[in-house]
Amino acid sequence: MTDPDAKSSTPSPARSVRDLLRSCDRAVLATVQRAESEAPTGWPYASLVMMAVDQDASPLLLISTLADHTRNLLADPRASLLVDGTAGLDEPLTGARATVMGRLEKTDDPRHRARYLARHPSADMYAGFGDFAVWRMSVERAHIVAGFGRIHWVDGGEVLGEAHPTLAEREADVVGHMNDDHADAVALYAKVLLGLEGEGWAMTGVDAEGADLRRAGRVARLPFDTPVADADGARVELVRLVKRARAAAAPES
C-alpha cells in the first residue's frame, strides 16, 4: 500500500484525523437523546469521555449503562466524537480538530479492554463493575478542520490505519520490555524527541505507526518514521529513534 504522505510534509486529511485519534486521550461524545429520558427526544446530547484507540485507530470507550450517553447508544448506536488538538495554541482556531462519526457497539475482546486500561490505568478501579463495558466505534465518516481553509470530509475507510494481528499479539511484550528494560530509552524519546518535561514517562501502547507514552495525567505520541507490521519491525524503529535521541542529546565536541 502506498502512503500518500510519504513524499509530503503536509499529512493528508485522512492521516490528520487518524493522528488526532491516536494522540488524544479524551473526546466529546455526541449521542441522540432517547425517548425514555427527561430531555426532549432526538436532541444531540454531548458529554466528555476518556478515549483510547484500537490498533487501526478505531475509538474505544469505557462507559457505564448508568450514564445517559450509554442509554442513548443502546437505543441508537449512531454517535460523533469531537477530538481536539488545539490545546496550548495561542490561536486555537489554527489547530486541528475533527468530528468522527460512526456507530458504537459493546466489545468483549480482552485486547480492547487491555488497550483502554493501558491508556487510562486509573480506570482499572471501576472497569470491573457490572455496569461498565468497552465500546468500539466503527468509523463511517470524519470531518477535519486543520486550520483556516483546511476543511475536508473523509470516508471512514480512509481514516483507519493498518491493523496487523501479529503486532497486536506481541504489543504487551514490546511495551513491557521497553518499560522494564529500556526505561532510559523511553525517557529520551519523551525529553529529546518530543520535548516533554518531567520524569517517569512510560510506554502504554505500540501500533503500526508509532508508540503511545504517558506520565501521570499527560499523554504523548511518538511517531515512527516507517510503518511497521510486527514486533520485530517495531523494535527496529524504536532502536532507530533512540539512536537519534542519543545523537541529539550528545554534547558537541
C-alpha atoms as a PDB file:
ATOM      1  CA  MET A   1       0.000   0.000   0.000  1.00  0.00           C
ATOM      2  CA  THR A   2       1.382   3.412  -0.949  1.00  0.00           C
ATOM      3  CA  ASP A   3       1.447   6.016   1.814  1.00  0.00           C
ATOM      4  CA  PRO A   4       0.097   9.286   0.314  1.00  0.00           C
ATOM      5  CA  ASP A   5       2.057  11.242   2.916  1.00  0.00           C
ATOM      6  CA  ALA A   6       5.411   9.584   2.213  1.00  0.00           C
ATOM      7  CA  LYS A   7       6.678  12.426  -0.002  1.00  0.00           C
ATOM      8  CA  SER A   8       4.735  15.251   1.572  1.00  0.00           C
ATOM      9  CA  SER A   9       5.412  17.250   4.732  1.00  0.00           C
ATOM     10  CA  THR A  10       1.686  18.001   4.980  1.00  0.00           C
ATOM     11  CA  PRO A  11      -0.361  14.973   6.024  1.00  0.00           C
ATOM     12  CA  SER A  12      -3.474  14.077   4.090  1.00  0.00           C
ATOM     13  CA  PRO A  13      -6.846  14.922   5.680  1.00  0.00           C
ATOM     14  CA  ALA A  14      -7.393  11.236   6.496  1.00  0.00           C
ATOM     15  CA  ARG A  15      -3.961  10.958   8.130  1.00  0.00           C
ATOM     16  CA  SER A  16      -4.625  14.144  10.105  1.00  0.00           C
ATOM     17  CA  VAL A  17      -7.801  12.615  11.538  1.00  0.00           C
ATOM     18  CA  ARG A  18      -6.000   9.388  12.395  1.00  0.00           C
ATOM     19  CA  ASP A  19      -3.147  11.255  14.060  1.00  0.00           C
ATOM     20  CA  LEU A  20      -5.647  13.164  16.205  1.00  0.00           C
ATOM     21  CA  LEU A  21      -7.366   9.961  17.256  1.00  0.00           C
ATOM     22  CA  ARG A  22      -4.061   8.370  18.210  1.00  0.00           C
ATOM     23  CA  SER A  23      -2.763  11.396  20.113  1.00  0.00           C
ATOM     24  CA  CYS A  24      -5.875  12.403  22.096  1.00  0.00           C
ATOM     25  CA  ASP A  25      -6.969  10.636  25.279  1.00  0.00           C
ATOM     26  CA  ARG A  26     -10.399  12.287  25.541  1.00  0.00           C
ATOM     27  CA  ALA A  27     -13.215  13.444  23.324  1.00  0.00           C
ATOM     28  CA  VAL A  28     -16.684  14.968  23.331  1.00  0.00           C
ATOM     29  CA  LEU A  29     -19.245  12.255  22.629  1.00  0.00           C
ATOM     30  CA  ALA A  30     -22.495  13.275  20.951  1.00  0.00           C
ATOM     31  CA  THR A  31     -25.403  10.833  21.037  1.00  0.00           C
ATOM     32  CA  VAL A  32     -29.078  11.048  20.077  1.00  0.00           C
ATOM     33  CA  GLN A  33     -31.273  11.644  23.123  1.00  0.00           C
ATOM     34  CA  ARG A  34     -33.574   8.647  23.550  1.00  0.00           C
ATOM     35  CA  ALA A  35     -37.324   8.816  24.037  1.00  0.00           C
ATOM     36  CA  GLU A  36     -37.305   7.438  27.591  1.00  0.00           C
ATOM     37  CA  SER A  37     -35.480  10.392  29.125  1.00  0.00           C
ATOM     38  CA  GLU A  38     -36.137  13.692  30.830  1.00  0.00           C
ATOM     39  CA  ALA A  39     -34.705  15.661  27.898  1.00  0.00           C
ATOM     40  CA  PRO A  40     -36.559  16.257  24.621  1.00  0.00           C
ATOM     41  CA  THR A  41     -36.321  13.266  22.284  1.00  0.00           C
ATOM     42  CA  GLY A  42     -33.925  13.408  19.334  1.00  0.00           C
ATOM     43  CA  TRP A  43     -31.731  16.256  20.547  1.00  0.00           C
ATOM     44  CA  PRO A  44     -27.922  15.934  20.361  1.00  0.00           C
ATOM     45  CA  TYR A  45     -26.531  15.090  23.798  1.00  0.00           C
ATOM     46  CA  ALA A  46     -22.833  15.903  24.311  1.00  0.00           C
ATOM     47  CA  SER A  47     -20.635  14.550  27.107  1.00  0.00           C
ATOM     48  CA  LEU A  48     -16.947  14.242  27.941  1.00  0.00           C
ATOM     49  CA  VAL A  49     -15.442  10.768  27.634  1.00  0.00           C
ATOM     50  CA  MET A  50     -11.961   9.351  28.026  1.00  0.00           C
ATOM     51  CA  MET A  51     -10.786   7.591  24.880  1.00  0.00           C
ATOM     52  CA  ALA A  52      -8.276   5.059  23.658  1.00  0.00           C
ATOM     53  CA  VAL A  53      -7.980   3.595  20.166  1.00  0.00           C
ATOM     54  CA  ASP A  54      -7.599   0.157  18.643  1.00  0.00           C
ATOM     55  CA  GLN A  55      -4.568  -0.787  16.548  1.00  0.00           C
ATOM     56  CA  ASP A  56      -6.226   0.714  13.461  1.00  0.00           C
ATOM     57  CA  ALA A  57      -7.240   3.891  15.376  1.00  0.00           C
ATOM     58  CA  SER A  58     -10.892   2.899  15.879  1.00  0.00           C
ATOM     59  CA  PRO A  59     -12.044   4.713  19.063  1.00  0.00           C
ATOM     60  CA  LEU A  60     -12.513   2.740  22.283  1.00  0.00           C
ATOM     61  CA  LEU A  61     -14.597   3.991  25.218  1.00  0.00           C
ATOM     62  CA  LEU A  62     -15.214   2.557  28.679  1.00  0.00           C
ATOM     63  CA  ILE A  63     -18.715   3.681  29.665  1.00  0.00           C
ATOM     64  CA  SER A  64     -21.437   2.764  32.136  1.00  0.00           C
ATOM     65  CA  THR A  65     -25.066   1.877  31.460  1.00  0.00           C
ATOM     66  CA  LEU A  66     -25.919   4.321  34.247  1.00  0.00           C
ATOM     67  CA  ALA A  67     -24.793   7.199  32.009  1.00  0.00           C
ATOM     68  CA  ASP A  68     -27.238   8.957  29.698  1.00  0.00           C
ATOM     69  CA  HIS A  69     -24.913   8.636  26.720  1.00  0.00           C
ATOM     70  CA  THR A  70     -24.768   4.848  27.093  1.00  0.00           C
ATOM     71  CA  ARG A  71     -28.535   4.555  27.354  1.00  0.00           C
ATOM     72  CA  ASN A  72     -28.787   6.692  24.242  1.00  0.00           C
ATOM     73  CA  LEU A  73     -26.425   4.356  22.411  1.00  0.00           C
ATOM     74  CA  LEU A  74     -28.450   1.311  23.409  1.00  0.00           C
ATOM     75  CA  ALA A  75     -31.421   2.930  21.668  1.00  0.00           C
ATOM     76  CA  ASP A  76     -29.466   4.336  18.703  1.00  0.00           C
ATOM     77  CA  PRO A  77     -25.787   3.395  18.146  1.00  0.00           C
ATOM     78  CA  ARG A  78     -25.053   6.415  15.933  1.00  0.00           C
ATOM     79  CA  ALA A  79     -22.600   8.845  17.523  1.00  0.00           C
ATOM     80  CA  SER A  80     -19.988  11.501  16.881  1.00  0.00           C
ATOM     81  CA  LEU A  81     -16.703  12.089  18.676  1.00  0.00           C
ATOM     82  CA  LEU A  82     -15.027  15.500  18.641  1.00  0.00           C
ATOM     83  CA  VAL A  83     -11.268  15.119  19.060  1.00  0.00           C
ATOM     84  CA  ASP A  84      -9.443  18.356  19.761  1.00  0.00           C
ATOM     85  CA  GLY A  85      -5.784  19.009  19.025  1.00  0.00           C
ATOM     86  CA  THR A  86      -5.832  22.753  19.739  1.00  0.00           C
ATOM     87  CA  ALA A  87      -4.780  22.707  23.410  1.00  0.00           C
ATOM     88  CA  GLY A  88      -1.981  25.130  24.245  1.00  0.00           C
ATOM     89  CA  LEU A  89      -2.151  27.101  20.996  1.00  0.00           C
ATOM     90  CA  ASP A  90      -2.200  30.897  21.187  1.00  0.00           C
ATOM     91  CA  GLU A  91      -4.733  30.811  18.334  1.00  0.00           C
ATOM     92  CA  PRO A  92      -6.796  27.630  18.825  1.00  0.00           C
ATOM     93  CA  LEU A  93      -8.645  28.060  15.543  1.00  0.00           C
ATOM     94  CA  THR A  94      -5.374  27.473  13.676  1.00  0.00           C
ATOM     95  CA  GLY A  95      -5.119  23.988  15.184  1.00  0.00           C
ATOM     96  CA  ALA A  96      -6.598  20.678  14.105  1.00  0.00           C
ATOM     97  CA  ARG A  97      -9.868  19.212  15.334  1.00  0.00           C
ATOM     98  CA  ALA A  98     -12.060  16.505  13.870  1.00  0.00           C
ATOM     99  CA  THR A  99     -15.569  15.161  14.226  1.00  0.00           C
ATOM    100  CA  VAL A 100     -15.535  11.387  13.786  1.00  0.00           C
ATOM    101  CA  MET A 101     -18.880   9.767  13.009  1.00  0.00           C
ATOM    102  CA  GLY A 102     -19.864   6.124  13.305  1.00  0.00           C
ATOM    103  CA  ARG A 103     -21.692   3.510  15.308  1.00  0.00           C
ATOM    104  CA  LEU A 104     -20.657   2.380  18.776  1.00  0.00           C
ATOM    105  CA  GLU A 105     -21.084  -1.206  19.923  1.00  0.00           C
ATOM    106  CA  LYS A 106     -20.008  -3.103  23.012  1.00  0.00           C
ATOM    107  CA  THR A 107     -16.961  -5.323  22.620  1.00  0.00           C
ATOM    108  CA  ASP A 108     -15.862  -8.241  24.781  1.00  0.00           C
ATOM    109  CA  ASP A 109     -12.464  -8.521  23.121  1.00  0.00           C
ATOM    110  CA  PRO A 110      -9.928  -8.619  26.004  1.00  0.00           C
ATOM    111  CA  ARG A 111      -7.391  -6.843  23.811  1.00  0.00           C
ATOM    112  CA  HIS A 112      -9.654  -3.792  23.556  1.00  0.00           C
ATOM    113  CA  ARG A 113     -10.025  -3.704  27.334  1.00  0.00           C
ATOM    114  CA  ALA A 114      -6.258  -4.053  27.793  1.00  0.00           C
ATOM    115  CA  ARG A 115      -5.562  -1.213  25.337  1.00  0.00           C
ATOM    116  CA  TYR A 116      -8.012   1.057  27.091  1.00  0.00           C
ATOM    117  CA  LEU A 117      -6.647   0.338  30.586  1.00  0.00           C
ATOM    118  CA  ALA A 118      -3.067   0.801  29.411  1.00  0.00           C
ATOM    119  CA  ARG A 119      -4.042   4.269  28.186  1.00  0.00           C
ATOM    120  CA  HIS A 120      -6.098   5.016  31.314  1.00  0.00           C
ATOM    121  CA  PRO A 121      -4.678   2.950  34.203  1.00  0.00           C
ATOM    122  CA  SER A 122      -6.838   4.655  36.847  1.00  0.00           C
ATOM    123  CA  ALA A 123      -9.929   3.222  35.128  1.00  0.00           C
ATOM    124  CA  ASP A 124      -8.927  -0.196  36.448  1.00  0.00           C
ATOM    125  CA  MET A 125     -10.584   0.807  39.748  1.00  0.00           C
ATOM    126  CA  TYR A 126     -14.055   0.647  38.207  1.00  0.00           C
ATOM    127  CA  ALA A 127     -13.620  -1.228  34.916  1.00  0.00           C
ATOM    128  CA  GLY A 128     -14.726  -4.446  36.596  1.00  0.00           C
ATOM    129  CA  PHE A 129     -18.049  -3.049  37.787  1.00  0.00           C
ATOM    130  CA  GLY A 130     -21.004  -4.805  36.180  1.00  0.00           C
ATOM    131  CA  ASP A 131     -22.403  -1.663  34.576  1.00  0.00           C
ATOM    132  CA  PHE A 132     -19.168  -0.799  32.727  1.00  0.00           C
ATOM    133  CA  ALA A 133     -18.140  -2.128  29.314  1.00  0.00           C
ATOM    134  CA  VAL A 134     -15.774  -1.210  26.498  1.00  0.00           C
ATOM    135  CA  TRP A 135     -17.421   0.137  23.339  1.00  0.00           C
ATOM    136  CA  ARG A 136     -15.732   0.340  19.923  1.00  0.00           C
ATOM    137  CA  MET A 137     -16.679   2.761  17.163  1.00  0.00           C
ATOM    138  CA  SER A 138     -16.974   1.626  13.564  1.00  0.00           C
ATOM    139  CA  VAL A 139     -15.869   4.823  11.835  1.00  0.00           C
ATOM    140  CA  GLU A 140     -18.015   5.811   8.836  1.00  0.00           C
ATOM    141  CA  ARG A 141     -17.149   9.467   8.163  1.00  0.00           C
ATOM    142  CA  ALA A 142     -14.976  12.227   9.567  1.00  0.00           C
ATOM    143  CA  HIS A 143     -14.817  15.996   9.219  1.00  0.00           C
ATOM    144  CA  ILE A 144     -11.395  17.555   9.751  1.00  0.00           C
ATOM    145  CA  VAL A 145     -10.659  21.239  10.292  1.00  0.00           C
ATOM    146  CA  ALA A 146      -6.880  21.566  10.313  1.00  0.00           C
ATOM    147  CA  GLY A 147      -6.671  25.357  10.329  1.00  0.00           C
ATOM    148  CA  PHE A 148      -8.096  28.144   8.214  1.00  0.00           C
ATOM    149  CA  GLY A 149      -9.113  26.846   4.784  1.00  0.00           C
ATOM    150  CA  ARG A 150      -8.114  23.240   5.510  1.00  0.00           C
ATOM    151  CA  ILE A 151     -11.555  21.674   5.872  1.00  0.00           C
ATOM    152  CA  HIS A 152     -12.393  18.231   4.495  1.00  0.00           C
ATOM    153  CA  TRP A 153     -14.875  15.375   4.723  1.00  0.00           C
ATOM    154  CA  VAL A 154     -13.167  11.973   4.756  1.00  0.00           C
ATOM    155  CA  ASP A 155     -14.527   8.460   4.303  1.00  0.00           C
ATOM    156  CA  GLY A 156     -14.130   6.213   7.338  1.00  0.00           C
ATOM    157  CA  GLY A 157     -12.175   3.616   5.424  1.00  0.00           C
ATOM    158  CA  GLU A 158      -9.523   6.219   4.631  1.00  0.00           C
ATOM    159  CA  VAL A 159      -9.268   7.344   8.246  1.00  0.00           C
ATOM    160  CA  LEU A 160      -8.388   3.966   9.714  1.00  0.00           C
ATOM    161  CA  GLY A 161      -4.876   2.592   9.502  1.00  0.00           C
ATOM    162  CA  GLU A 162      -3.492  -0.888   9.034  1.00  0.00           C
ATOM    163  CA  ALA A 163      -4.283  -3.427  11.746  1.00  0.00           C
ATOM    164  CA  HIS A 164      -1.613  -6.126  11.943  1.00  0.00           C
ATOM    165  CA  PRO A 165      -2.638  -9.126  14.081  1.00  0.00           C
ATOM    166  CA  THR A 166       0.967 -10.213  14.609  1.00  0.00           C
ATOM    167  CA  LEU A 167       1.839  -6.836  16.085  1.00  0.00           C
ATOM    168  CA  ALA A 168      -1.321  -6.751  18.209  1.00  0.00           C
ATOM    169  CA  GLU A 169      -0.465 -10.174  19.652  1.00  0.00           C
ATOM    170  CA  ARG A 170       3.003  -9.012  20.718  1.00  0.00           C
ATOM    171  CA  GLU A 171       2.099  -5.471  21.782  1.00  0.00           C
ATOM    172  CA  ALA A 172       2.133  -6.232  25.511  1.00  0.00           C
ATOM    173  CA  ASP A 173       5.556  -7.890  25.168  1.00  0.00           C
ATOM    174  CA  VAL A 174       7.019  -4.893  23.328  1.00  0.00           C
ATOM    175  CA  VAL A 175       5.582  -2.371  25.789  1.00  0.00           C
ATOM    176  CA  GLY A 176       6.614  -4.385  28.852  1.00  0.00           C
ATOM    177  CA  HIS A 177      10.139  -4.854  27.507  1.00  0.00           C
ATOM    178  CA  MET A 178      10.566  -1.141  26.834  1.00  0.00           C
ATOM    179  CA  ASN A 179       9.286  -0.092  30.258  1.00  0.00           C
ATOM    180  CA  ASP A 180      11.105  -2.795  32.239  1.00  0.00           C
ATOM    181  CA  ASP A 181      14.426  -2.965  30.399  1.00  0.00           C
ATOM    182  CA  HIS A 182      14.723   0.310  28.479  1.00  0.00           C
ATOM    183  CA  ALA A 183      13.142   2.992  30.634  1.00  0.00           C
ATOM    184  CA  ASP A 184      16.113   5.196  29.776  1.00  0.00           C
ATOM    185  CA  ALA A 185      15.199   4.991  26.091  1.00  0.00           C
ATOM    186  CA  VAL A 186      11.573   5.917  26.828  1.00  0.00           C
ATOM    187  CA  ALA A 187      12.831   8.894  28.835  1.00  0.00           C
ATOM    188  CA  LEU A 188      14.958  10.009  25.874  1.00  0.00           C
ATOM    189  CA  TYR A 189      12.011   9.718  23.492  1.00  0.00           C
ATOM    190  CA  ALA A 190       9.996  11.990  25.752  1.00  0.00           C
ATOM    191  CA  LYS A 191      12.664  14.565  26.584  1.00  0.00           C
ATOM    192  CA  VAL A 192      14.741  14.785  23.406  1.00  0.00           C
ATOM    193  CA  LEU A 193      12.461  13.793  20.549  1.00  0.00           C
ATOM    194  CA  LEU A 194       9.178  15.149  21.892  1.00  0.00           C
ATOM    195  CA  GLY A 195      10.429  17.986  24.107  1.00  0.00           C
ATOM    196  CA  LEU A 196       8.407  16.843  27.115  1.00  0.00           C
ATOM    197  CA  GLU A 197       9.178  17.811  30.689  1.00  0.00           C
ATOM    198  CA  GLY A 198       9.237  15.617  33.764  1.00  0.00           C
ATOM    199  CA  GLU A 199      10.489  12.156  34.646  1.00  0.00           C
ATOM    200  CA  GLY A 200       8.579   8.903  34.731  1.00  0.00           C
ATOM    201  CA  TRP A 201       7.259   8.689  31.190  1.00  0.00           C
ATOM    202  CA  ALA A 202       6.145   5.159  30.306  1.00  0.00           C
ATOM    203  CA  MET A 203       5.085   3.470  27.102  1.00  0.00           C
ATOM    204  CA  THR A 204       1.445   2.369  27.047  1.00  0.00           C
ATOM    205  CA  GLY A 205       0.965   1.070  23.513  1.00  0.00           C
ATOM    206  CA  VAL A 206       2.539   0.435  20.144  1.00  0.00           C
ATOM    207  CA  ASP A 207       0.929   0.167  16.716  1.00  0.00           C
ATOM    208  CA  ALA A 208       1.947   0.246  13.072  1.00  0.00           C
ATOM    209  CA  GLU A 209       2.565   3.998  13.071  1.00  0.00           C
ATOM    210  CA  GLY A 210       4.077   4.751  16.448  1.00  0.00           C
ATOM    211  CA  ALA A 211       4.022   4.384  20.211  1.00  0.00           C
ATOM    212  CA  ASP A 212       1.968   5.955  22.987  1.00  0.00           C
ATOM    213  CA  LEU A 213       3.533   7.457  26.116  1.00  0.00           C
ATOM    214  CA  ARG A 214       2.026   8.541  29.422  1.00  0.00           C
ATOM    215  CA  ARG A 215       3.165  10.358  32.554  1.00  0.00           C
ATOM    216  CA  ALA A 216       0.584  10.933  35.296  1.00  0.00           C
ATOM    217  CA  GLY A 217      -2.319  12.633  33.501  1.00  0.00           C
ATOM    218  CA  ARG A 218      -0.421  13.545  30.335  1.00  0.00           C
ATOM    219  CA  VAL A 219      -0.174  11.511  27.146  1.00  0.00           C
ATOM    220  CA  ALA A 220       2.083  11.867  24.119  1.00  0.00           C
ATOM    221  CA  ARG A 221       2.556  10.289  20.727  1.00  0.00           C
ATOM    222  CA  LEU A 222       5.883   9.042  19.346  1.00  0.00           C
ATOM    223  CA  PRO A 223       5.545   8.608  15.556  1.00  0.00           C
ATOM    224  CA  PHE A 224       7.584   6.074  13.628  1.00  0.00           C
ATOM    225  CA  ASP A 225       9.499   7.106  10.522  1.00  0.00           C
ATOM    226  CA  THR A 226       8.323   3.974   8.706  1.00  0.00           C
ATOM    227  CA  PRO A 227       5.141   1.953   9.347  1.00  0.00           C
ATOM    228  CA  VAL A 228       5.736  -1.500  10.850  1.00  0.00           C
ATOM    229  CA  ALA A 229       3.816  -4.775  10.640  1.00  0.00           C
ATOM    230  CA  ASP A 230       5.167  -6.830  13.544  1.00  0.00           C
ATOM    231  CA  ALA A 231       7.131  -6.725  16.786  1.00  0.00           C
ATOM    232  CA  ASP A 232      10.483  -7.023  15.006  1.00  0.00           C
ATOM    233  CA  GLY A 233       9.660  -4.010  12.860  1.00  0.00           C
ATOM    234  CA  ALA A 234       8.657  -2.052  15.967  1.00  0.00           C
ATOM    235  CA  ARG A 235      11.957  -2.968  17.611  1.00  0.00           C
ATOM    236  CA  VAL A 236      13.894  -1.682  14.597  1.00  0.00           C
ATOM    237  CA  GLU A 237      12.035   1.629  14.680  1.00  0.00           C
ATOM    238  CA  LEU A 238      12.421   2.042  18.443  1.00  0.00           C
ATOM    239  CA  VAL A 239      16.162   1.370  18.204  1.00  0.00           C
ATOM    240  CA  ARG A 240      16.464   3.862  15.344  1.00  0.00           C
ATOM    241  CA  LEU A 241      14.629   6.511  17.341  1.00  0.00           C
ATOM    242  CA  VAL A 242      16.697   6.048  20.488  1.00  0.00           C
ATOM    243  CA  LYS A 243      19.885   6.330  18.440  1.00  0.00           C
ATOM    244  CA  ARG A 244      18.591   9.599  17.018  1.00  0.00           C
ATOM    245  CA  ALA A 245      17.731  10.831  20.505  1.00  0.00           C
ATOM    246  CA  ARG A 246      21.154   9.931  21.880  1.00  0.00           C
ATOM    247  CA  ALA A 247      22.885  11.679  18.988  1.00  0.00           C
ATOM    248  CA  ALA A 248      20.800  14.787  19.533  1.00  0.00           C
ATOM    249  CA  ALA A 249      21.468  14.752  23.285  1.00  0.00           C
ATOM    250  CA  ALA A 250      25.223  14.221  22.959  1.00  0.00           C
ATOM    251  CA  PRO A 251      27.332  17.310  23.745  1.00  0.00           C
ATOM    252  CA  GLU A 252      29.120  18.851  20.800  1.00  0.00           C
ATOM    253  CA  SER A 253      32.874  18.207  20.778  1.00  0.00           C
END
